Amino acid sequence: MGLVARYLEGQGFSTICLTMTPEFHRQIGMPRVAAIEYPFGRTVGQVHDVHGQREVLLEMIACLEKAKNPGEVFHLPFTWPEAPKETKWQPSEISPILKLFQGEIKKMREQARKSRSD
């Protein structure tokens, strides 16, 4: 995904990546990242939730419009509607990639909450 985004950017097209692992994608060189705290495999939302999926995509596009510099990470203001233990298909353990960046992710979440309340 990063190679495609960088190629398109080189051709003059702006790109943004919607991901659950924002620090990882920022570090591998994604030009712009929209972070969402949804389960893996459900990046834009629940199955058949057309309205919710549309909202996620529109917010992601809005982040693309707001981006000023390469490497920016935007945290989308969406929360998965089910408690994690109710979600049977979600892994019981945190992803190794997320474990690696857990401290950074926590800092970014706190910064996003602060900026939303300001």
Protein backbone atom coordinates (compact mmCIF):
# COMPACT_ATOMS: atom_id res chain seq x y z
CA MET A 1 0.00 0.00 0.00
CA GLY A 2 2.83 2.40 0.86
CA LEU A 3 4.55 1.87 -2.48
CA VAL A 4 1.35 2.59 -4.39
CA ALA A 5 0.68 5.73 -2.33
CA ARG A 6 4.22 7.01 -2.84
CA TYR A 7 4.02 6.31 -6.58
CA LEU A 8 0.69 8.15 -6.89
CA GLU A 9 2.06 11.05 -4.84
CA GLY A 10 5.03 11.19 -7.23
CA GLN A 11 2.57 11.49 -10.11
CA GLY A 12 0.80 14.43 -8.43
CA PHE A 13 -2.11 12.63 -6.75
CA SER A 14 -2.73 13.14 -3.04
CA THR A 15 -3.32 9.95 -1.05
CA ILE A 16 -4.44 8.98 2.45
CA CYS A 17 -4.39 5.58 4.15
CA LEU A 18 -7.23 4.46 6.44
CA THR A 19 -5.71 2.14 9.01
CA MET A 20 -5.92 0.65 12.49
CA THR A 21 -2.10 0.83 12.79
CA PRO A 22 -1.34 4.53 12.20
CA GLU A 23 2.17 4.64 13.69
CA PHE A 24 3.27 1.70 11.58
CA HIS A 25 1.96 3.26 8.37
CA ARG A 26 3.46 6.64 9.22
CA GLN A 27 6.84 5.06 9.87
CA ILE A 28 6.86 3.15 6.58
CA GLY A 29 6.34 6.41 4.74
CA MET A 30 2.64 6.79 4.06
CA PRO A 31 2.11 10.41 3.01
CA ARG A 32 -1.06 10.88 5.10
CA VAL A 33 -2.77 8.54 7.55
CA ALA A 34 -6.34 8.44 8.89
CA ALA A 35 -6.41 6.30 12.04
CA ILE A 36 -9.52 4.47 13.15
CA GLU A 37 -10.01 2.27 16.20
CA TYR A 38 -12.02 -0.47 14.55
CA PRO A 39 -11.32 -4.23 14.54
CA PHE A 40 -9.09 -5.68 11.87
CA GLY A 41 -11.07 -6.58 8.78
CA ARG A 42 -13.69 -3.91 9.49
CA THR A 43 -11.77 -0.77 8.55
CA VAL A 44 -14.77 1.20 7.30
CA GLY A 45 -17.34 -0.28 9.69
CA GLN A 46 -19.84 -3.02 10.23
CA VAL A 47 -21.18 -5.18 7.43
CA HIS A 48 -24.25 -3.66 5.71
CA ASP A 49 -23.90 -0.37 7.63
CA VAL A 50 -23.94 1.83 4.54
CA HIS A 51 -24.51 5.05 6.49
CA GLY A 52 -21.68 4.36 8.96
CA GLN A 53 -19.26 3.33 6.21
CA ARG A 54 -20.09 6.47 4.26
CA GLU A 55 -19.42 8.62 7.35
CA VAL A 56 -16.00 7.01 7.83
CA LEU A 57 -15.06 7.60 4.19
CA LEU A 58 -16.29 11.21 4.23
CA GLU A 59 -14.29 11.92 7.40
CA MET A 60 -11.22 10.34 5.80
CA ILE A 61 -11.63 12.61 2.74
CA ALA A 62 -12.01 15.61 5.05
CA CYS A 63 -8.65 14.69 6.62
CA LEU A 64 -7.10 14.60 3.16
CA GLU A 65 -8.39 18.13 2.61
CA LYS A 66 -6.99 19.33 5.99
CA ALA A 67 -3.54 17.78 5.57
CA LYS A 68 -0.77 20.34 5.23
CA ASN A 69 2.40 18.24 5.46
CA PRO A 70 3.51 14.72 4.52
CA GLY A 71 3.45 12.23 7.38
CA GLU A 72 0.43 13.70 9.16
CA VAL A 73 -1.76 11.34 11.18
CA PHE A 74 -5.43 12.13 11.79
CA HIS A 75 -7.46 10.19 14.37
CA LEU A 76 -11.05 9.70 13.23
CA PRO A 77 -13.73 10.29 15.89
CA PHE A 78 -15.44 6.90 15.60
CA THR A 79 -15.89 4.21 18.24
CA TRP A 80 -16.74 0.60 17.47
CA PRO A 81 -20.33 0.00 18.70
CA GLU A 82 -19.66 -3.34 20.42
CA ALA A 83 -17.59 -4.02 23.51
CA PRO A 84 -14.41 -5.96 22.56
CA LYS A 85 -15.37 -9.11 24.49
CA GLU A 86 -18.70 -9.27 22.63
CA THR A 87 -16.87 -9.36 19.31
CA LYS A 88 -16.21 -13.08 18.83
CA TRP A 89 -13.93 -12.77 15.77
CA GLN A 90 -11.53 -10.24 17.28
CA PRO A 91 -8.21 -11.80 18.44
CA SER A 92 -7.95 -12.16 22.22
CA GLU A 93 -4.44 -10.70 22.22
CA ILE A 94 -3.26 -7.33 20.93
CA SER A 95 -1.51 -7.40 17.55
CA PRO A 96 2.32 -7.60 17.71
CA ILE A 97 2.53 -4.42 15.63
CA LEU A 98 0.20 -2.59 18.01
CA LYS A 99 2.16 -3.91 21.00
CA LEU A 100 5.31 -2.45 19.49
CA PHE A 101 3.74 1.01 19.17
CA GLN A 102 1.40 0.89 22.19
CA GLY A 103 3.03 3.85 23.98
CA GLU A 104 2.98 6.00 20.85
CA ILE A 105 -0.65 5.11 20.14
CA LYS A 106 -1.65 6.07 23.69
CA LYS A 107 0.07 9.47 23.32
CA MET A 108 -1.62 10.08 19.97
CA ARG A 109 -5.05 9.19 21.38
CA GLU A 110 -4.54 11.62 24.26
CA GLN A 111 -3.46 14.36 21.84
CA ALA A 112 -6.51 13.68 19.64
CA ARG A 113 -8.86 13.87 22.64
CA LYS A 114 -7.26 17.13 23.76
CA SER A 115 -7.56 18.70 20.31
CA ARG A 116 -11.24 17.67 20.05
CA SER A 117 -12.04 19.25 23.43
CA ASP A 118 -10.25 22.55 22.61
